[in-house]
Amino acid sequence: DMSFRKYLCRGTVNVLAESTMIAIAHNINKLHRKIQSGKIGQHLFELKTA
């Protein structure tokens, strides 16, 4: 959520740019939470061997 309520700019290009920035910020927050909790390098499932 990140307290996002409305777009600050008008126009299709500006809204797309703002949406992209929000998506990047969301992914950075997810990565930060993973680093802080020590879950980097762990897989969700065991890897299968051939």
Protein backbone atom coordinates (compact mmCIF):
# COMPACT_ATOMS: atom_id res chain seq x y z
CA ASP A 1 0.00 0.00 0.00
CA MET A 2 2.76 2.47 1.00
CA SER A 3 0.06 5.12 1.61
CA PHE A 4 -0.47 5.62 -2.13
CA ARG A 5 -3.84 7.25 -2.72
CA LYS A 6 -3.76 9.07 -6.05
CA TYR A 7 -1.52 10.01 -8.93
CA LEU A 8 0.14 13.39 -8.64
CA CYS A 9 0.58 13.96 -12.37
CA ARG A 10 -1.82 14.06 -15.27
CA GLY A 11 -1.47 12.35 -18.63
CA THR A 12 -0.84 8.81 -19.73
CA VAL A 13 2.95 9.09 -19.92
CA ASN A 14 3.24 10.70 -16.50
CA VAL A 15 0.92 8.17 -14.85
CA LEU A 16 2.91 5.33 -16.42
CA ALA A 17 6.15 6.83 -15.11
CA GLU A 18 4.70 7.23 -11.63
CA SER A 19 3.33 3.66 -11.66
CA THR A 20 6.76 2.37 -12.66
CA MET A 21 8.39 4.27 -9.80
CA ILE A 22 5.86 2.82 -7.34
CA ALA A 23 6.54 -0.71 -8.62
CA ILE A 24 10.31 -0.22 -8.26
CA ALA A 25 9.86 1.14 -4.73
CA HIS A 26 7.69 -1.86 -3.84
CA ASN A 27 10.34 -4.30 -5.09
CA ILE A 28 13.10 -2.47 -3.19
CA ASN A 29 11.01 -2.69 0.00
CA LYS A 30 10.51 -6.43 -0.54
CA LEU A 31 14.24 -6.94 -1.04
CA HIS A 32 15.02 -4.89 2.06
CA ARG A 33 12.64 -6.98 4.19
CA LYS A 34 14.24 -10.18 2.89
CA ILE A 35 17.74 -8.92 3.69
CA GLN A 36 16.72 -7.82 7.18
CA SER A 37 15.09 -11.16 7.98
CA GLY A 38 18.04 -13.17 6.63
CA LYS A 39 16.08 -15.00 3.94
CA ILE A 40 18.39 -14.16 1.05
CA GLY A 41 19.61 -17.26 -0.79
CA GLN A 42 16.88 -19.55 0.52
CA HIS A 43 14.54 -21.34 -1.87
CA LEU A 44 10.83 -21.74 -1.26
CA PHE A 45 11.03 -25.41 -2.24
CA GLU A 46 13.80 -28.01 -2.34
CA LEU A 47 15.50 -28.13 -5.72
CA LYS A 48 15.02 -31.41 -7.57
CA THR A 49 18.03 -33.23 -8.92
CA ALA A 50 17.94 -35.14 -12.18
